[in-house]
Amino acid sequence: MKLSKAVLTATAFAGALGVHAAHAIPGDNVVLRAMDKITARVSTITVPVGGTVAFGSLQITAKACDKHPPEETPEASAFLDVVEEKPGEAPQPRFQGWMFASSPALSALEHPVYDLWVLDCTGDDAGQPAPSSSSTTESGTSQ
């Protein structure tokens, strides 16, 4: 009961000061950076929320994507399911949870071959086709 009163008091105090919590803006696409540690290939991948994209032996499914509004500190977060599928083996779950763009090490995919981190959440751009996967090298040239 004390915790509830403390939370209510803090909320009332913040409201009295004119501080209002802004709501996260849901995104339609998760923009990820992925690296194959063996080949040193770095790729930028766009995964639609509710969709799945393959990167190497990983199947990356985006469940949700949120971005802070412009008046707050920049932050994008995504809820991802990552499953590794190797031929002749049962699929192995490798990651499930939230990843944060500002703190990639806080909740990271731990894999010997692949690194994966969130860059941004974007909305559907009308009139512009969103690629399901694109690849760039460190120098920024397309392959």
C-alpha atoms as a PDB file:
ATOM      1  CA  MET A   1       0.000   0.000   0.000  1.00  0.00           C
ATOM      2  CA  LYS A   2       2.892   2.398   0.740  1.00  0.00           C
ATOM      3  CA  LEU A   3       4.271   1.892  -2.770  1.00  0.00           C
ATOM      4  CA  SER A   4       0.922   2.769  -4.312  1.00  0.00           C
ATOM      5  CA  LYS A   5       0.730   5.995  -2.308  1.00  0.00           C
ATOM      6  CA  ALA A   6       4.305   6.897  -3.259  1.00  0.00           C
ATOM      7  CA  VAL A   7       3.586   6.311  -6.947  1.00  0.00           C
ATOM      8  CA  LEU A   8       0.378   8.345  -6.765  1.00  0.00           C
ATOM      9  CA  THR A   9       2.183  11.163  -4.954  1.00  0.00           C
ATOM     10  CA  ALA A  10       5.021  11.209  -7.517  1.00  0.00           C
ATOM     11  CA  THR A  11       2.525  11.202 -10.383  1.00  0.00           C
ATOM     12  CA  ALA A  12       0.532  14.040  -8.837  1.00  0.00           C
ATOM     13  CA  PHE A  13       3.719  16.030  -8.164  1.00  0.00           C
ATOM     14  CA  ALA A  14       4.929  15.555 -11.767  1.00  0.00           C
ATOM     15  CA  GLY A  15       1.509  16.621 -13.061  1.00  0.00           C
ATOM     16  CA  ALA A  16       1.593  19.732 -10.866  1.00  0.00           C
ATOM     17  CA  LEU A  17       4.971  20.655 -12.365  1.00  0.00           C
ATOM     18  CA  GLY A  18       3.588  20.248 -15.874  1.00  0.00           C
ATOM     19  CA  VAL A  19       5.660  17.134 -16.567  1.00  0.00           C
ATOM     20  CA  HIS A  20       3.676  14.604 -18.549  1.00  0.00           C
ATOM     21  CA  ALA A  21       4.860  11.207 -19.636  1.00  0.00           C
ATOM     22  CA  ALA A  22       4.792  10.937 -23.404  1.00  0.00           C
ATOM     23  CA  HIS A  23       3.756   7.678 -24.976  1.00  0.00           C
ATOM     24  CA  ALA A  24       6.066   5.709 -27.225  1.00  0.00           C
ATOM     25  CA  ILE A  25       5.307   5.864 -30.931  1.00  0.00           C
ATOM     26  CA  PRO A  26       4.794   2.378 -32.394  1.00  0.00           C
ATOM     27  CA  GLY A  27       6.756   1.659 -35.561  1.00  0.00           C
ATOM     28  CA  ASP A  28       5.872  -0.523 -38.525  1.00  0.00           C
ATOM     29  CA  ASN A  29       9.459  -1.629 -39.236  1.00  0.00           C
ATOM     30  CA  VAL A  30      12.523  -2.460 -37.163  1.00  0.00           C
ATOM     31  CA  VAL A  31      15.854  -1.355 -38.633  1.00  0.00           C
ATOM     32  CA  LEU A  32      18.640  -3.655 -37.443  1.00  0.00           C
ATOM     33  CA  ARG A  33      22.383  -3.791 -37.949  1.00  0.00           C
ATOM     34  CA  ALA A  34      23.715  -7.323 -38.284  1.00  0.00           C
ATOM     35  CA  MET A  35      27.281  -8.542 -38.507  1.00  0.00           C
ATOM     36  CA  ASP A  36      28.674 -11.882 -39.585  1.00  0.00           C
ATOM     37  CA  LYS A  37      31.834 -12.173 -37.458  1.00  0.00           C
ATOM     38  CA  ILE A  38      33.375 -14.784 -39.769  1.00  0.00           C
ATOM     39  CA  THR A  39      33.205 -12.712 -42.964  1.00  0.00           C
ATOM     40  CA  ALA A  40      33.110  -9.280 -41.237  1.00  0.00           C
ATOM     41  CA  ARG A  41      30.094  -8.450 -43.392  1.00  0.00           C
ATOM     42  CA  VAL A  42      27.878  -5.773 -41.881  1.00  0.00           C
ATOM     43  CA  SER A  43      24.280  -5.511 -43.089  1.00  0.00           C
ATOM     44  CA  THR A  44      21.365  -3.214 -42.430  1.00  0.00           C
ATOM     45  CA  ILE A  45      18.152  -5.213 -42.234  1.00  0.00           C
ATOM     46  CA  THR A  46      14.580  -3.925 -42.188  1.00  0.00           C
ATOM     47  CA  VAL A  47      12.087  -6.290 -40.563  1.00  0.00           C
ATOM     48  CA  PRO A  48       8.369  -5.455 -40.696  1.00  0.00           C
ATOM     49  CA  VAL A  49       6.617  -5.827 -37.333  1.00  0.00           C
ATOM     50  CA  GLY A  50       4.932  -9.226 -37.454  1.00  0.00           C
ATOM     51  CA  GLY A  51       7.305 -10.390 -40.197  1.00  0.00           C
ATOM     52  CA  THR A  52      10.401 -12.577 -40.336  1.00  0.00           C
ATOM     53  CA  VAL A  53      13.682 -12.007 -42.184  1.00  0.00           C
ATOM     54  CA  ALA A  54      16.619 -14.410 -42.577  1.00  0.00           C
ATOM     55  CA  PHE A  55      20.208 -13.404 -41.869  1.00  0.00           C
ATOM     56  CA  GLY A  56      22.586 -16.309 -42.340  1.00  0.00           C
ATOM     57  CA  SER A  57      21.152 -19.185 -40.311  1.00  0.00           C
ATOM     58  CA  LEU A  58      19.105 -16.794 -38.149  1.00  0.00           C
ATOM     59  CA  GLN A  59      15.380 -16.195 -38.544  1.00  0.00           C
ATOM     60  CA  ILE A  60      14.611 -12.762 -37.045  1.00  0.00           C
ATOM     61  CA  THR A  61      10.975 -12.023 -36.170  1.00  0.00           C
ATOM     62  CA  ALA A  62       9.938  -8.548 -35.034  1.00  0.00           C
ATOM     63  CA  LYS A  63       7.035  -8.584 -32.570  1.00  0.00           C
ATOM     64  CA  ALA A  64       6.944  -4.871 -31.660  1.00  0.00           C
ATOM     65  CA  CYS A  65       8.846  -1.651 -32.231  1.00  0.00           C
ATOM     66  CA  ASP A  66       8.556   1.611 -30.279  1.00  0.00           C
ATOM     67  CA  LYS A  67      10.283   4.943 -30.573  1.00  0.00           C
ATOM     68  CA  HIS A  68      10.310   7.866 -28.154  1.00  0.00           C
ATOM     69  CA  PRO A  69       8.585  11.031 -29.345  1.00  0.00           C
ATOM     70  CA  PRO A  70      10.841  13.889 -30.570  1.00  0.00           C
ATOM     71  CA  GLU A  71      10.539  15.875 -27.324  1.00  0.00           C
ATOM     72  CA  GLU A  72      12.161  13.041 -25.319  1.00  0.00           C
ATOM     73  CA  THR A  73      15.647  11.537 -25.318  1.00  0.00           C
ATOM     74  CA  PRO A  74      16.116   9.572 -28.575  1.00  0.00           C
ATOM     75  CA  GLU A  75      15.420   5.870 -28.082  1.00  0.00           C
ATOM     76  CA  ALA A  76      14.141   3.022 -30.188  1.00  0.00           C
ATOM     77  CA  SER A  77      13.343  -0.428 -28.845  1.00  0.00           C
ATOM     78  CA  ALA A  78      12.162  -3.620 -30.462  1.00  0.00           C
ATOM     79  CA  PHE A  79      10.869  -6.949 -29.200  1.00  0.00           C
ATOM     80  CA  LEU A  80      12.563  -9.673 -31.244  1.00  0.00           C
ATOM     81  CA  ASP A  81      12.473 -13.452 -31.532  1.00  0.00           C
ATOM     82  CA  VAL A  82      15.645 -14.900 -33.029  1.00  0.00           C
ATOM     83  CA  VAL A  83      15.797 -18.586 -33.940  1.00  0.00           C
ATOM     84  CA  GLU A  84      18.765 -20.359 -35.513  1.00  0.00           C
ATOM     85  CA  GLU A  85      17.873 -22.922 -38.168  1.00  0.00           C
ATOM     86  CA  LYS A  86      20.662 -25.209 -39.373  1.00  0.00           C
ATOM     87  CA  PRO A  87      20.069 -27.951 -41.962  1.00  0.00           C
ATOM     88  CA  GLY A  88      19.443 -31.328 -40.342  1.00  0.00           C
ATOM     89  CA  GLU A  89      18.996 -29.836 -36.858  1.00  0.00           C
ATOM     90  CA  ALA A  90      16.016 -28.710 -34.819  1.00  0.00           C
ATOM     91  CA  PRO A  91      15.517 -24.913 -34.688  1.00  0.00           C
ATOM     92  CA  GLN A  92      17.238 -23.382 -31.648  1.00  0.00           C
ATOM     93  CA  PRO A  93      15.882 -20.232 -29.960  1.00  0.00           C
ATOM     94  CA  ARG A  94      18.789 -17.781 -29.579  1.00  0.00           C
ATOM     95  CA  PHE A  95      17.115 -14.611 -28.302  1.00  0.00           C
ATOM     96  CA  GLN A  96      13.699 -13.410 -27.209  1.00  0.00           C
ATOM     97  CA  GLY A  97      13.143 -10.011 -25.669  1.00  0.00           C
ATOM     98  CA  TRP A  98      13.552  -6.268 -25.987  1.00  0.00           C
ATOM     99  CA  MET A  99      16.608  -4.700 -27.598  1.00  0.00           C
ATOM    100  CA  PHE A 100      17.369  -1.013 -27.138  1.00  0.00           C
ATOM    101  CA  ALA A 101      19.138   1.193 -29.682  1.00  0.00           C
ATOM    102  CA  SER A 102      20.835   3.351 -27.040  1.00  0.00           C
ATOM    103  CA  SER A 103      22.149   0.347 -25.063  1.00  0.00           C
ATOM    104  CA  PRO A 104      22.952  -2.536 -27.426  1.00  0.00           C
ATOM    105  CA  ALA A 105      24.917  -4.420 -24.751  1.00  0.00           C
ATOM    106  CA  LEU A 106      22.063  -4.249 -22.231  1.00  0.00           C
ATOM    107  CA  SER A 107      20.017  -6.930 -23.972  1.00  0.00           C
ATOM    108  CA  ALA A 108      22.091  -8.481 -26.726  1.00  0.00           C
ATOM    109  CA  LEU A 109      22.062 -11.547 -28.923  1.00  0.00           C
ATOM    110  CA  GLU A 110      24.855 -13.802 -27.672  1.00  0.00           C
ATOM    111  CA  HIS A 111      26.027 -15.840 -30.642  1.00  0.00           C
ATOM    112  CA  PRO A 112      29.504 -16.999 -31.723  1.00  0.00           C
ATOM    113  CA  VAL A 113      28.982 -16.012 -35.376  1.00  0.00           C
ATOM    114  CA  TYR A 114      26.438 -13.163 -35.453  1.00  0.00           C
ATOM    115  CA  ASP A 115      25.969  -9.797 -33.778  1.00  0.00           C
ATOM    116  CA  LEU A 116      22.617  -8.046 -33.997  1.00  0.00           C
ATOM    117  CA  TRP A 117      21.453  -4.687 -32.665  1.00  0.00           C
ATOM    118  CA  VAL A 118      18.573  -2.241 -33.125  1.00  0.00           C
ATOM    119  CA  LEU A 119      19.154   1.025 -34.991  1.00  0.00           C
ATOM    120  CA  ASP A 120      15.668   2.507 -35.348  1.00  0.00           C
ATOM    121  CA  CYS A 121      11.919   2.035 -35.666  1.00  0.00           C
ATOM    122  CA  THR A 122      10.294   3.456 -38.760  1.00  0.00           C
ATOM    123  CA  GLY A 123       6.782   3.877 -40.098  1.00  0.00           C
ATOM    124  CA  ASP A 124       5.544   2.666 -43.458  1.00  0.00           C
ATOM    125  CA  ASP A 125       6.523   5.254 -46.033  1.00  0.00           C
ATOM    126  CA  ALA A 126       3.679   5.572 -48.497  1.00  0.00           C
ATOM    127  CA  GLY A 127       4.907   5.284 -52.046  1.00  0.00           C
ATOM    128  CA  GLN A 128       8.351   3.974 -51.101  1.00  0.00           C
ATOM    129  CA  PRO A 129       8.848   0.231 -51.102  1.00  0.00           C
ATOM    130  CA  ALA A 130      10.579  -0.891 -47.906  1.00  0.00           C
ATOM    131  CA  PRO A 131      13.172  -3.545 -48.695  1.00  0.00           C
ATOM    132  CA  SER A 132      12.912  -6.643 -46.538  1.00  0.00           C
ATOM    133  CA  SER A 133      16.683  -6.875 -46.383  1.00  0.00           C
ATOM    134  CA  SER A 134      19.520  -4.761 -47.669  1.00  0.00           C
ATOM    135  CA  SER A 135      23.218  -5.187 -47.312  1.00  0.00           C
ATOM    136  CA  THR A 136      26.011  -2.677 -46.976  1.00  0.00           C
ATOM    137  CA  THR A 137      29.659  -3.013 -46.105  1.00  0.00           C
ATOM    138  CA  GLU A 138      31.546  -0.969 -43.522  1.00  0.00           C
ATOM    139  CA  SER A 139      32.389   1.583 -46.233  1.00  0.00           C
ATOM    140  CA  GLY A 140      28.693   1.977 -47.014  1.00  0.00           C
ATOM    141  CA  THR A 141      28.745   0.485 -50.510  1.00  0.00           C
ATOM    142  CA  SER A 142      25.974  -1.881 -51.519  1.00  0.00           C
ATOM    143  CA  GLN A 143      26.679  -5.487 -52.373  1.00  0.00           C
END
